[in-house]
Amino acid sequence: MTFTTSKRLPSAVLTGAVSLALALAIGWTPNHVAAQTAGTLVGTVTDAASQRPLEAVQVYIPGTGIGALTNAAGRFLLLNVPVGEQTVSAELVGYRAGEQTVTVGAGQSVQLDFGLSQTAITLDEIVVTGAGIATEKRKLGNTIATLDAATLENAPIADFSQLIAGREPGVVALPSSGFTGEGARIRIRGSSSLSQLNEPIVYVDGIRVDRSAVQNFNGQGNPSRLDDIPPESIERVEILKGAAAATLYGTEASNGVIQIFTKRGRAGAPRFTAQADFTGIQVPTNRINNIAGFARNADEQAMISSRWGKSVGLYEVIEEPLVPTMLETGFAQTYSASASGGSEAFQYYISGRFADEDGGYDAAQNFEPVPGIEPEVDTNRRVSLNSNFTLIPSDKVRIGVSTLFSDMEHHTPDNSNNIYGVFSSALMSQLHKASANNLYGNPAFATTRENMYQLNVANSSHFAGSMNVGYTPMDGFRLDGVFGVDFTSDDTFNFRPYKWNVDGFSGSTPDGSRNVQEHRSREITADLKGSYIVTWMWAT
């Protein structure tokens, strides 16, 4: 006989047993499921050309957080790779990235090898804006053009105006009259005002500099302040266009902003450069029309015959190349040198430049000299010095000091929009009125010969100095301070010597005159900026 005994367990004991079972199940299930739904990737990464194993290659599956670095033998191992088709990437600086697609089975170990090819490194372009920090160009919402002076080393560039002209869409360098020393007027996306300055704001190594031109008398062309900067010392130029310039720098920057960065020293042995340039200057005279005239009566026929040695009939047109005879082949010489170098804690860059240019104007060759007074010439002489020093006392502090000095002496005859201009008076000549005291037949104001003795001289000095301090107290947090000053001093003279009206034609101040114009400018920059960069990462 069989007896069966049954006993009911208390509910508390049953509940505890179920809880323990669930806990065991929960603790066991993920690993078990992972083992059943994941695989493994193993492989080797080598140089495609030499088959040499590559160490520290980053091998990863994008979007999964799964990745590893190769060891010294080029081997890698990826665990818990999801089952199915996966895209695997391999990247190493100096090599073209590799990418392969592989199918992974549950519990399988799949072999995957990469062969990477060497390639030039393409880095993100870094620019400095009014936002206060160096920023990757592709991350900006503004239009910024960058001119790298290194790409123009072999171009025939004599000054900043030539460096920037035609290099960037929307940036126009309006040409001058062509006389020596006159600079171009820079316009970014055209002119915006009839009464205000249309020049862009200019910064050199972080400080604002005087953007006005060196002023001359009588509406003629002016030397550019930007040409004070030796082109050999420029590392790059950044141009900010459009409304973004006004947003970052204020309404005064509505014409755009030009930022010029000069070269810095690099750690290493001293490096020296020296350069001498010699240039001939010649105006294409075949583009200049001859001056035409004709005789209306017998007296004018006689004057033409006496002055020009031609026998002409009434109303018979004659032509004379007056303007081309006022030109010659000019000559320019430029000497520049630089020294750079330093250690990891201190770097330096020093450069100097001397430029002397005698333009293609020489109207005096057509006339007899006048004892006691000299005609005006077309010359420009400029000395420029630039220096940059960088001190790095620790990995958290960086101090930079920059200086720029330029001294210029500019001579030019009356020209451009000027009734006393030597060329404008020649262009208004009337051949039938030419005589011994009016060799070109000028109808009014002064003869061309008299205009040659009006002197215009501009003496200009320019100094800019700045200190830049960068402090990084912690990762991602940076403070930058820029402090500097820009001084300009211009003295411009218009001088008519005693008895300058050598032909007795002009009645304007025959005893001479002297006009003086002074310009003094001081720009002070004090700028403190802070930035804190936070990197956010999301796991999927």
Protein backbone atom coordinates (compact mmCIF):
# COMPACT_ATOMS: atom_id res chain seq x y z
CA MET A 1 0.00 0.00 0.00
CA THR A 2 1.28 3.30 -0.98
CA PHE A 3 0.69 6.46 1.01
CA THR A 4 1.04 9.92 -0.50
CA THR A 5 1.67 12.90 1.74
CA SER A 6 1.30 16.47 0.55
CA LYS A 7 2.10 19.73 2.34
CA ARG A 8 1.38 23.28 1.16
CA LEU A 9 4.30 25.70 1.38
CA PRO A 10 3.72 29.08 2.98
CA SER A 11 3.17 31.92 0.52
CA ALA A 12 6.23 33.81 1.79
CA VAL A 13 8.49 30.86 1.03
CA LEU A 14 6.99 30.52 -2.46
CA THR A 15 7.42 34.20 -3.21
CA GLY A 16 11.08 34.09 -2.18
CA ALA A 17 11.75 31.09 -4.40
CA VAL A 18 10.17 32.78 -7.40
CA SER A 19 12.14 35.97 -6.76
CA LEU A 20 15.38 33.99 -6.57
CA ALA A 21 14.57 32.22 -9.82
CA LEU A 22 13.81 35.50 -11.56
CA ALA A 23 17.00 37.02 -10.23
CA LEU A 24 19.03 34.11 -11.52
CA ALA A 25 17.27 34.36 -14.84
CA ILE A 26 17.90 38.08 -15.13
CA GLY A 27 21.55 37.72 -14.19
CA TRP A 28 22.10 34.94 -16.71
CA THR A 29 20.03 36.06 -19.68
CA PRO A 30 22.10 39.01 -21.18
CA ASN A 31 25.37 37.10 -21.38
CA HIS A 32 23.63 34.10 -22.71
CA VAL A 33 21.73 36.16 -25.28
CA ALA A 34 24.91 38.07 -26.26
CA ALA A 35 26.68 34.80 -26.79
CA GLN A 36 23.85 33.68 -29.02
CA THR A 37 23.43 37.00 -30.98
CA ALA A 38 27.00 38.40 -31.34
CA GLY A 39 30.21 37.52 -33.10
CA THR A 40 33.88 38.45 -33.15
CA LEU A 41 36.05 40.25 -35.69
CA VAL A 42 39.80 39.66 -35.87
CA GLY A 43 42.31 40.81 -38.43
CA THR A 44 45.48 42.61 -39.41
CA VAL A 45 46.12 46.11 -40.80
CA THR A 46 49.18 46.58 -43.03
CA ASP A 47 50.76 49.18 -45.30
CA ALA A 48 49.39 48.45 -48.78
CA ALA A 49 52.74 49.15 -50.43
CA SER A 50 55.28 47.55 -48.08
CA GLN A 51 53.00 45.05 -46.29
CA ARG A 52 54.44 46.36 -43.01
CA PRO A 53 52.10 45.93 -40.00
CA LEU A 54 50.62 49.23 -38.84
CA GLU A 55 50.36 49.99 -35.14
CA ALA A 56 47.74 52.22 -33.44
CA VAL A 57 45.27 52.03 -36.32
CA GLN A 58 41.75 52.83 -35.14
CA VAL A 59 39.42 50.01 -36.25
CA TYR A 60 35.76 50.57 -35.42
CA ILE A 61 32.14 50.02 -36.43
CA PRO A 62 30.55 53.47 -36.89
CA GLY A 63 27.55 54.20 -34.68
CA THR A 64 28.02 51.25 -32.32
CA GLY A 65 30.77 52.34 -29.95
CA ILE A 66 32.68 49.16 -30.80
CA GLY A 67 36.33 49.70 -31.69
CA ALA A 68 39.95 48.92 -30.91
CA LEU A 69 43.54 49.93 -31.75
CA THR A 70 45.94 47.61 -33.51
CA ASN A 71 48.98 46.32 -31.63
CA ALA A 72 52.61 46.34 -32.75
CA ALA A 73 51.90 43.38 -35.03
CA GLY A 74 49.00 45.21 -36.66
CA ARG A 75 46.43 42.84 -35.08
CA PHE A 76 43.03 43.88 -33.72
CA LEU A 77 40.08 42.16 -31.98
CA LEU A 78 36.49 43.39 -31.84
CA LEU A 79 34.16 41.61 -29.39
CA ASN A 80 30.35 41.50 -29.16
CA VAL A 81 29.87 42.47 -32.79
CA PRO A 82 26.13 42.43 -33.61
CA VAL A 83 24.97 39.68 -35.94
CA GLY A 84 24.34 40.72 -39.52
CA GLU A 85 25.98 42.95 -42.09
CA GLN A 86 28.40 45.47 -40.54
CA THR A 87 30.55 48.26 -42.01
CA VAL A 88 34.02 48.39 -40.48
CA SER A 89 36.38 51.40 -40.81
CA ALA A 90 40.15 51.64 -40.29
CA GLU A 91 41.88 55.02 -39.88
CA LEU A 92 45.44 56.19 -39.26
CA VAL A 93 46.93 59.67 -39.67
CA GLY A 94 48.94 59.82 -42.88
CA TYR A 95 46.94 57.02 -44.56
CA ARG A 96 43.78 56.96 -46.61
CA ALA A 97 40.92 55.56 -44.52
CA GLY A 98 39.77 52.02 -45.30
CA GLU A 99 36.25 50.67 -45.14
CA GLN A 100 34.84 47.15 -45.65
CA THR A 101 31.48 45.46 -45.26
CA VAL A 102 31.35 42.05 -43.58
CA THR A 103 28.61 39.62 -42.49
CA VAL A 104 28.85 38.37 -38.90
CA GLY A 105 27.11 35.22 -37.70
CA ALA A 106 26.06 34.37 -34.15
CA GLY A 107 29.00 32.98 -32.21
CA GLN A 108 31.30 33.23 -35.24
CA SER A 109 34.82 34.67 -35.44
CA VAL A 110 35.31 36.45 -38.77
CA GLN A 111 38.71 37.31 -40.27
CA LEU A 112 38.97 40.84 -41.75
CA ASP A 113 42.22 42.39 -43.04
CA PHE A 114 42.97 45.96 -44.24
CA GLY A 115 45.70 47.37 -46.49
CA LEU A 116 45.98 51.16 -46.11
CA SER A 117 47.65 53.48 -48.63
CA GLN A 118 49.67 56.52 -47.62
CA THR A 119 48.21 59.91 -48.54
CA ALA A 120 48.77 63.60 -47.91
CA ILE A 121 46.97 64.91 -44.85
CA THR A 122 44.10 67.32 -45.47
CA LEU A 123 43.56 69.37 -42.34
CA ASP A 124 40.60 71.54 -41.46
CA GLU A 125 41.36 75.19 -42.19
CA ILE A 126 41.48 77.24 -39.00
CA VAL A 127 40.47 80.90 -39.05
CA VAL A 128 40.31 83.62 -36.39
CA THR A 129 37.14 85.69 -36.27
CA GLY A 130 35.48 88.25 -34.05
CA ALA A 131 34.02 85.35 -32.12
CA GLY A 132 37.34 85.36 -30.30
CA ILE A 133 38.61 81.84 -30.89
CA ALA A 134 40.30 79.89 -33.65
CA THR A 135 37.53 78.00 -35.43
CA GLU A 136 37.37 75.39 -38.14
CA LYS A 137 36.29 77.19 -41.29
CA ARG A 138 33.72 74.56 -42.20
CA LYS A 139 31.91 75.17 -38.89
CA LEU A 140 31.39 78.89 -39.47
CA GLY A 141 28.16 80.43 -40.65
CA ASN A 142 30.03 83.37 -42.18
CA THR A 143 31.74 83.88 -45.51
CA ILE A 144 35.49 84.08 -44.87
CA ALA A 145 38.11 84.12 -47.59
CA THR A 146 41.67 83.14 -46.75
CA LEU A 147 44.71 84.09 -48.83
CA ASP A 148 47.79 82.05 -48.03
CA ALA A 149 50.87 84.10 -48.91
CA ALA A 150 52.92 80.91 -49.26
CA THR A 151 50.98 80.06 -52.43
CA LEU A 152 52.03 83.40 -53.97
CA GLU A 153 55.76 83.25 -53.28
CA ASN A 154 56.62 83.05 -56.98
CA ALA A 155 54.16 85.75 -58.04
CA PRO A 156 55.53 89.22 -58.95
CA ILE A 157 54.13 90.99 -55.88
CA ALA A 158 55.65 94.32 -54.86
CA ASP A 159 53.13 95.44 -52.21
CA PHE A 160 49.94 94.45 -50.39
CA SER A 161 47.71 95.99 -53.05
CA GLN A 162 49.11 93.57 -55.62
CA LEU A 163 48.87 90.64 -53.19
CA ILE A 164 45.12 91.03 -52.71
CA ALA A 165 44.11 92.21 -56.19
CA GLY A 166 42.08 89.63 -58.11
CA ARG A 167 42.68 86.84 -55.59
CA GLU A 168 39.18 86.51 -54.16
CA PRO A 169 35.68 86.95 -55.68
CA GLY A 170 33.95 90.06 -54.42
CA VAL A 171 37.20 91.75 -53.37
CA VAL A 172 38.24 94.50 -55.78
CA ALA A 173 41.43 96.54 -55.76
CA LEU A 174 40.52 99.72 -57.65
CA PRO A 175 43.57 100.83 -59.62
CA SER A 176 45.28 104.15 -59.06
CA SER A 177 46.39 106.63 -61.73
CA GLY A 178 49.53 104.56 -62.24
CA PHE A 179 52.03 106.97 -60.75
CA THR A 180 54.71 105.45 -58.56
CA GLY A 181 53.77 104.77 -54.94
CA GLU A 182 50.03 105.16 -55.33
CA GLY A 183 48.09 102.32 -53.72
CA ALA A 184 44.89 100.64 -54.77
CA ARG A 185 41.57 101.29 -53.02
CA ILE A 186 40.14 98.07 -51.61
CA ARG A 187 36.42 97.41 -51.95
CA ILE A 188 34.59 94.34 -50.65
CA ARG A 189 31.37 93.73 -52.56
CA GLY A 190 31.31 97.26 -53.93
CA SER A 191 30.85 100.70 -52.37
CA SER A 192 28.09 101.29 -49.82
CA SER A 193 28.27 105.05 -49.19
CA LEU A 194 28.76 108.24 -51.18
CA SER A 195 29.92 110.31 -48.20
CA GLN A 196 31.56 107.88 -45.76
CA LEU A 197 34.68 105.75 -46.01
CA ASN A 198 34.20 102.68 -48.15
CA GLU A 199 37.44 101.08 -47.03
CA PRO A 200 37.20 97.84 -45.00
CA ILE A 201 38.40 97.78 -41.40
CA VAL A 202 41.94 96.42 -41.14
CA TYR A 203 43.50 94.40 -38.32
CA VAL A 204 47.18 93.44 -38.18
CA ASP A 205 48.11 90.70 -35.70
CA GLY A 206 44.96 91.37 -33.71
CA ILE A 207 45.07 95.17 -33.45
CA ARG A 208 43.16 97.68 -35.51
CA VAL A 209 45.23 99.96 -37.75
CA ASP A 210 44.51 103.22 -39.55
CA ARG A 211 42.74 102.39 -42.81
CA SER A 212 42.82 105.86 -44.37
CA ALA A 213 45.15 106.59 -47.27
CA VAL A 214 48.09 108.99 -47.06
CA GLN A 215 46.50 112.24 -48.23
CA ASN A 216 47.83 114.35 -51.10
CA PHE A 217 46.74 117.71 -52.47
CA ASN A 218 44.70 118.61 -55.54
CA GLY A 219 42.66 115.42 -55.94
CA GLN A 220 45.53 113.19 -56.99
CA GLY A 221 46.28 109.59 -56.09
CA ASN A 222 47.39 108.58 -52.62
CA PRO A 223 49.76 105.95 -51.20
CA SER A 224 48.00 103.13 -49.35
CA ARG A 225 48.55 102.50 -45.65
CA LEU A 226 48.35 98.76 -46.31
CA ASP A 227 51.50 98.96 -48.41
CA ASP A 228 53.43 99.75 -45.21
CA ILE A 229 53.33 96.00 -44.49
CA PRO A 230 56.11 94.11 -46.31
CA PRO A 231 54.47 91.38 -48.42
CA GLU A 232 57.34 89.01 -47.55
CA SER A 233 56.30 89.21 -43.87
CA ILE A 234 52.66 88.26 -44.44
CA GLU A 235 51.66 84.70 -43.59
CA ARG A 236 47.99 84.89 -44.51
CA VAL A 237 45.09 87.28 -45.00
CA GLU A 238 41.52 86.63 -43.89
CA ILE A 239 38.66 88.60 -45.45
CA LEU A 240 35.24 88.73 -43.82
CA LYS A 241 32.47 89.84 -46.13
CA GLY A 242 28.84 90.83 -45.88
CA ALA A 243 26.58 91.36 -42.89
CA ALA A 244 28.63 88.92 -40.82
CA ALA A 245 31.40 91.53 -40.60
CA ALA A 246 29.04 94.09 -39.04
CA THR A 247 27.66 91.45 -36.67
CA LEU A 248 31.09 90.56 -35.32
CA TYR A 249 32.82 93.96 -35.47
CA GLY A 250 30.03 96.54 -35.35
CA THR A 251 28.30 98.73 -37.92
CA GLU A 252 31.58 100.41 -38.90
CA ALA A 253 32.60 97.08 -40.41
CA SER A 254 29.74 97.04 -42.92
CA ASN A 255 32.36 97.45 -45.67
CA GLY A 256 34.06 94.23 -44.57
CA VAL A 257 37.06 93.32 -42.46
CA ILE A 258 40.60 92.42 -43.52
CA GLN A 259 42.76 90.59 -40.99
CA ILE A 260 46.49 90.34 -41.73
CA PHE A 261 48.66 87.83 -39.89
CA THR A 262 52.42 88.21 -40.12
CA LYS A 263 54.90 85.36 -40.01
CA ARG A 264 56.04 83.77 -36.75
CA GLY A 265 59.23 82.02 -35.79
CA ARG A 266 59.49 78.24 -35.56
CA ALA A 267 61.54 76.19 -33.13
CA GLY A 268 64.79 75.00 -34.66
CA ALA A 269 68.07 76.24 -36.03
CA PRO A 270 68.25 79.86 -37.23
CA ARG A 271 66.96 80.38 -40.77
CA PHE A 272 67.99 83.34 -42.90
CA THR A 273 66.57 84.65 -46.16
CA ALA A 274 67.70 87.48 -48.43
CA GLN A 275 66.16 88.71 -51.65
CA ALA A 276 66.88 91.46 -54.17
CA ASP A 277 64.43 92.45 -56.91
CA PHE A 278 65.05 94.78 -59.84
CA THR A 279 62.18 95.86 -62.05
CA GLY A 280 61.86 97.97 -65.17
CA ILE A 281 58.76 100.16 -65.45
CA GLN A 282 57.37 101.02 -68.84
CA VAL A 283 54.00 102.48 -69.81
CA PRO A 284 52.44 100.98 -72.98
CA THR A 285 52.45 104.19 -75.02
CA ASN A 286 50.65 102.55 -77.95
CA ARG A 287 47.42 102.91 -75.94
CA ILE A 288 47.74 106.70 -75.74
CA ASN A 289 46.22 108.71 -78.57
CA ASN A 290 48.11 111.49 -80.27
CA ILE A 291 47.05 115.11 -79.79
CA ALA A 292 45.34 116.44 -82.93
CA GLY A 293 44.84 119.99 -84.20
CA PHE A 294 44.39 122.13 -87.29
CA ALA A 295 44.82 125.72 -88.46
CA ARG A 296 41.76 127.93 -88.92
CA ASN A 297 43.58 130.90 -90.42
CA ALA A 298 46.92 132.03 -91.82
CA ASP A 299 48.27 133.08 -88.40
CA GLU A 300 47.67 129.61 -86.99
CA GLN A 301 49.23 128.09 -90.11
CA ALA A 302 52.35 130.12 -89.40
CA MET A 303 52.42 129.05 -85.73
CA ILE A 304 52.13 125.38 -86.65
CA SER A 305 54.90 125.73 -89.23
CA SER A 306 57.17 127.53 -86.74
CA ARG A 307 56.55 125.24 -83.75
CA TRP A 308 56.06 121.83 -85.33
CA GLY A 309 58.00 122.28 -88.58
CA LYS A 310 55.09 121.23 -90.74
CA SER A 311 53.49 123.02 -93.65
CA VAL A 312 49.73 122.45 -93.50
CA GLY A 313 46.70 123.77 -95.28
CA LEU A 314 43.69 125.29 -93.60
CA TYR A 315 41.73 122.72 -91.54
CA GLU A 316 44.29 120.06 -92.36
CA VAL A 317 44.62 117.83 -89.28
CA ILE A 318 48.04 117.21 -87.78
CA GLU A 319 48.92 114.90 -84.88
CA GLU A 320 51.72 114.93 -82.31
CA PRO A 321 52.55 112.24 -79.68
CA LEU A 322 52.87 114.70 -76.79
CA VAL A 323 52.07 112.38 -73.86
CA PRO A 324 54.36 109.47 -74.88
CA THR A 325 57.30 111.87 -75.05
CA MET A 326 56.73 112.65 -71.36
CA LEU A 327 57.42 109.04 -70.40
CA GLU A 328 60.56 106.99 -69.96
CA THR A 329 61.56 103.56 -68.66
CA GLY A 330 61.46 103.63 -64.86
CA PHE A 331 63.41 101.49 -62.44
CA ALA A 332 62.58 99.91 -59.08
CA GLN A 333 64.84 98.10 -56.65
CA THR A 334 63.82 96.17 -53.55
CA TYR A 335 65.99 94.50 -50.92
CA SER A 336 64.58 92.32 -48.14
CA ALA A 337 65.96 89.96 -45.51
CA SER A 338 64.63 87.93 -42.59
CA ALA A 339 65.84 85.79 -39.71
CA SER A 340 63.79 83.28 -37.72
CA GLY A 341 64.22 80.39 -35.32
CA GLY A 342 64.21 79.70 -31.60
CA SER A 343 63.57 76.96 -29.08
CA GLU A 344 60.42 75.28 -27.80
CA ALA A 345 60.09 78.06 -25.20
CA PHE A 346 61.02 81.08 -27.36
CA GLN A 347 60.69 81.77 -31.08
CA TYR A 348 61.47 84.87 -33.12
CA TYR A 349 60.95 86.29 -36.60
CA ILE A 350 62.60 89.54 -37.75
CA SER A 351 62.44 91.04 -41.24
CA GLY A 352 63.41 94.24 -43.01
CA ARG A 353 62.69 95.72 -46.42
CA PHE A 354 63.96 98.68 -48.44
CA ALA A 355 62.12 99.69 -51.62
CA ASP A 356 63.14 102.51 -53.96
CA GLU A 357 61.16 103.22 -57.11
CA ASP A 358 61.68 105.81 -59.83
CA GLY A 359 58.61 105.77 -62.05
CA GLY A 360 58.25 106.13 -65.78
CA TYR A 361 57.44 109.86 -65.73
CA ASP A 362 60.00 112.35 -67.07
CA ALA A 363 58.38 115.34 -68.76
CA ALA A 364 61.44 117.51 -68.15
CA GLN A 365 63.35 115.75 -70.93
CA ASN A 366 61.28 117.72 -73.47
CA PHE A 367 62.10 121.19 -72.13
CA GLU A 368 65.10 123.36 -71.44
CA PRO A 369 66.05 123.31 -67.73
CA VAL A 370 65.37 126.40 -65.61
CA PRO A 371 68.32 127.56 -63.47
CA GLY A 372 67.65 127.56 -59.74
CA ILE A 373 64.60 125.30 -59.58
CA GLU A 374 64.09 121.60 -60.21
CA PRO A 375 61.02 119.92 -61.72
CA GLU A 376 59.04 117.41 -59.68
CA VAL A 377 59.92 113.73 -59.99
CA ASP A 378 57.93 110.52 -59.66
CA THR A 379 59.61 108.54 -56.87
CA ASN A 380 58.71 106.52 -53.81
CA ARG A 381 61.05 105.29 -51.09
CA ARG A 382 59.96 103.11 -48.17
CA VAL A 383 61.75 101.35 -45.30
CA SER A 384 59.79 98.67 -43.40
CA LEU A 385 60.68 96.61 -40.32
CA ASN A 386 58.66 93.79 -38.79
CA SER A 387 59.29 91.55 -35.78
CA ASN A 388 57.43 88.82 -33.91
CA PHE A 389 58.51 87.20 -30.65
CA THR A 390 56.76 84.28 -28.96
CA LEU A 391 57.42 83.21 -25.36
CA ILE A 392 55.98 79.95 -23.97
CA PRO A 393 56.88 79.80 -20.25
CA SER A 394 54.58 76.81 -19.64
CA ASP A 395 52.11 74.60 -21.44
CA LYS A 396 49.32 76.87 -20.16
CA VAL A 397 50.71 80.31 -21.07
CA ARG A 398 51.70 81.75 -24.44
CA ILE A 399 52.88 85.35 -24.91
CA GLY A 400 53.41 87.04 -28.27
CA VAL A 401 54.83 90.48 -29.08
CA SER A 402 54.58 92.00 -32.58
CA THR A 403 55.93 95.26 -33.98
CA LEU A 404 55.69 96.99 -37.35
CA PHE A 405 57.46 100.17 -38.44
CA SER A 406 57.41 101.91 -41.80
CA ASP A 407 58.82 105.20 -43.06
CA MET A 408 57.99 106.55 -46.52
CA GLU A 409 58.93 109.53 -48.70
CA HIS A 410 56.72 110.03 -51.73
CA HIS A 411 57.20 112.53 -54.59
CA THR A 412 54.67 112.99 -57.37
CA PRO A 413 53.77 115.70 -59.90
CA ASP A 414 50.27 117.14 -60.07
CA ASN A 415 48.13 114.48 -61.70
CA SER A 416 44.75 112.75 -61.82
CA ASN A 417 41.70 114.97 -61.19
CA ASN A 418 43.63 118.23 -61.35
CA ILE A 419 43.54 121.20 -63.73
CA TYR A 420 47.27 121.69 -63.07
CA GLY A 421 48.13 118.07 -63.84
CA VAL A 422 51.04 117.57 -66.21
CA PHE A 423 49.23 114.97 -68.29
CA SER A 424 45.82 116.63 -68.20
CA SER A 425 47.36 119.89 -69.44
CA ALA A 426 49.12 118.01 -72.24
CA LEU A 427 45.88 116.28 -73.22
CA MET A 428 44.12 119.66 -73.47
CA SER A 429 46.84 121.09 -75.71
CA GLN A 430 45.89 122.95 -78.87
CA LEU A 431 48.66 122.53 -81.40
CA HIS A 432 47.75 125.67 -83.35
CA LYS A 433 48.33 127.81 -80.23
CA ALA A 434 51.82 126.50 -79.48
CA SER A 435 54.54 129.13 -79.20
CA ALA A 436 57.98 129.67 -77.68
CA ASN A 437 56.43 130.40 -74.27
CA ASN A 438 53.67 127.82 -74.55
CA LEU A 439 55.27 124.87 -76.29
CA TYR A 440 52.20 122.62 -76.08
CA GLY A 441 49.60 125.30 -76.76
CA ASN A 442 47.85 125.04 -73.38
CA PRO A 443 44.64 127.09 -73.44
CA ALA A 444 44.23 127.92 -69.70
CA PHE A 445 45.49 127.79 -66.11
CA ALA A 446 49.18 126.99 -66.74
CA THR A 447 51.48 125.54 -69.34
CA THR A 448 52.61 121.95 -69.12
CA ARG A 449 56.14 123.17 -68.47
CA GLU A 450 54.97 125.32 -65.54
CA ASN A 451 53.00 122.45 -64.04
CA MET A 452 56.19 120.40 -63.91
CA TYR A 453 57.58 122.76 -61.23
CA GLN A 454 54.75 122.25 -58.74
CA LEU A 455 56.11 119.92 -56.07
CA ASN A 456 54.12 117.40 -54.03
CA VAL A 457 55.84 115.56 -51.18
CA ALA A 458 54.35 113.17 -48.60
CA ASN A 459 56.34 111.98 -45.58
CA SER A 460 54.67 109.22 -43.61
CA SER A 461 55.65 107.20 -40.53
CA HIS A 462 53.69 104.25 -39.20
CA PHE A 463 54.19 102.19 -36.04
CA ALA A 464 52.06 99.33 -34.73
CA GLY A 465 52.84 97.28 -31.64
CA SER A 466 50.84 94.58 -29.89
CA MET A 467 51.02 91.98 -27.14
CA ASN A 468 48.95 88.81 -27.26
CA VAL A 469 48.59 86.65 -24.13
CA GLY A 470 46.90 83.26 -24.17
CA TYR A 471 46.14 81.35 -20.95
CA THR A 472 44.63 77.85 -20.74
CA PRO A 473 43.96 77.06 -17.07
CA MET A 474 42.11 73.82 -17.87
CA ASP A 475 41.17 71.66 -20.82
CA GLY A 476 38.60 73.38 -23.01
CA PHE A 477 38.83 76.75 -21.25
CA ARG A 478 40.98 79.51 -22.74
CA LEU A 479 41.51 83.23 -22.15
CA ASP A 480 43.04 85.48 -24.82
CA GLY A 481 44.03 89.10 -24.39
CA VAL A 482 45.25 91.46 -27.12
CA PHE A 483 46.62 94.88 -26.25
CA GLY A 484 48.16 97.19 -28.82
CA VAL A 485 48.47 100.63 -30.35
CA ASP A 486 48.77 101.94 -33.91
CA PHE A 487 50.36 105.35 -34.62
CA THR A 488 50.44 107.12 -37.98
CA SER A 489 52.02 110.49 -38.74
CA ASP A 490 51.71 112.13 -42.18
CA ASP A 491 53.09 115.47 -43.37
CA THR A 492 52.07 116.43 -46.90
CA PHE A 493 53.43 119.45 -48.78
CA ASN A 494 52.37 121.24 -51.95
CA PHE A 495 55.10 123.69 -52.92
CA ARG A 496 55.33 126.23 -55.71
CA PRO A 497 58.84 127.70 -55.76
CA TYR A 498 59.49 131.36 -56.46
CA LYS A 499 58.86 132.15 -60.15
CA TRP A 500 57.47 128.68 -60.78
CA ASN A 501 55.50 130.12 -63.74
CA VAL A 502 58.60 129.88 -65.91
CA ASP A 503 56.68 130.67 -69.13
CA GLY A 504 54.91 133.70 -67.67
CA PHE A 505 51.57 132.13 -68.58
CA SER A 506 49.99 131.37 -65.20
CA GLY A 507 49.00 134.24 -62.95
CA SER A 508 48.37 132.06 -59.87
CA THR A 509 50.78 132.89 -57.00
CA PRO A 510 53.79 133.66 -59.25
CA ASP A 511 55.87 134.44 -56.15
CA GLY A 512 55.34 130.91 -54.93
CA SER A 513 53.28 129.20 -52.22
CA ARG A 514 53.53 126.45 -49.65
CA ASN A 515 50.62 124.38 -48.36
CA VAL A 516 51.05 121.94 -45.48
CA GLN A 517 48.68 119.21 -44.37
CA GLU A 518 49.22 117.17 -41.21
CA HIS A 519 47.54 113.94 -40.20
CA ARG A 520 47.98 112.21 -36.85
CA SER A 521 46.13 109.05 -35.92
CA ARG A 522 46.19 106.76 -32.90
CA GLU A 523 44.24 103.53 -32.66
CA ILE A 524 44.23 101.67 -29.32
CA THR A 525 43.08 98.06 -29.09
CA ALA A 526 42.28 96.27 -25.82
CA ASP A 527 40.49 92.98 -26.28
CA LEU A 528 39.88 90.20 -23.75
CA LYS A 529 38.12 87.03 -24.84
CA GLY A 530 37.23 83.80 -23.14
CA SER A 531 36.08 80.52 -24.59
CA TYR A 532 34.99 77.22 -23.16
CA ILE A 533 34.64 74.23 -25.46
CA VAL A 534 32.44 71.34 -24.36
CA THR A 535 32.29 68.11 -26.34
CA TRP A 536 29.03 66.16 -26.08
CA MET A 537 28.89 62.48 -26.93
CA TRP A 538 25.83 60.31 -27.26
CA ALA A 539 25.94 56.54 -27.21
CA THR A 540 23.50 54.65 -29.41
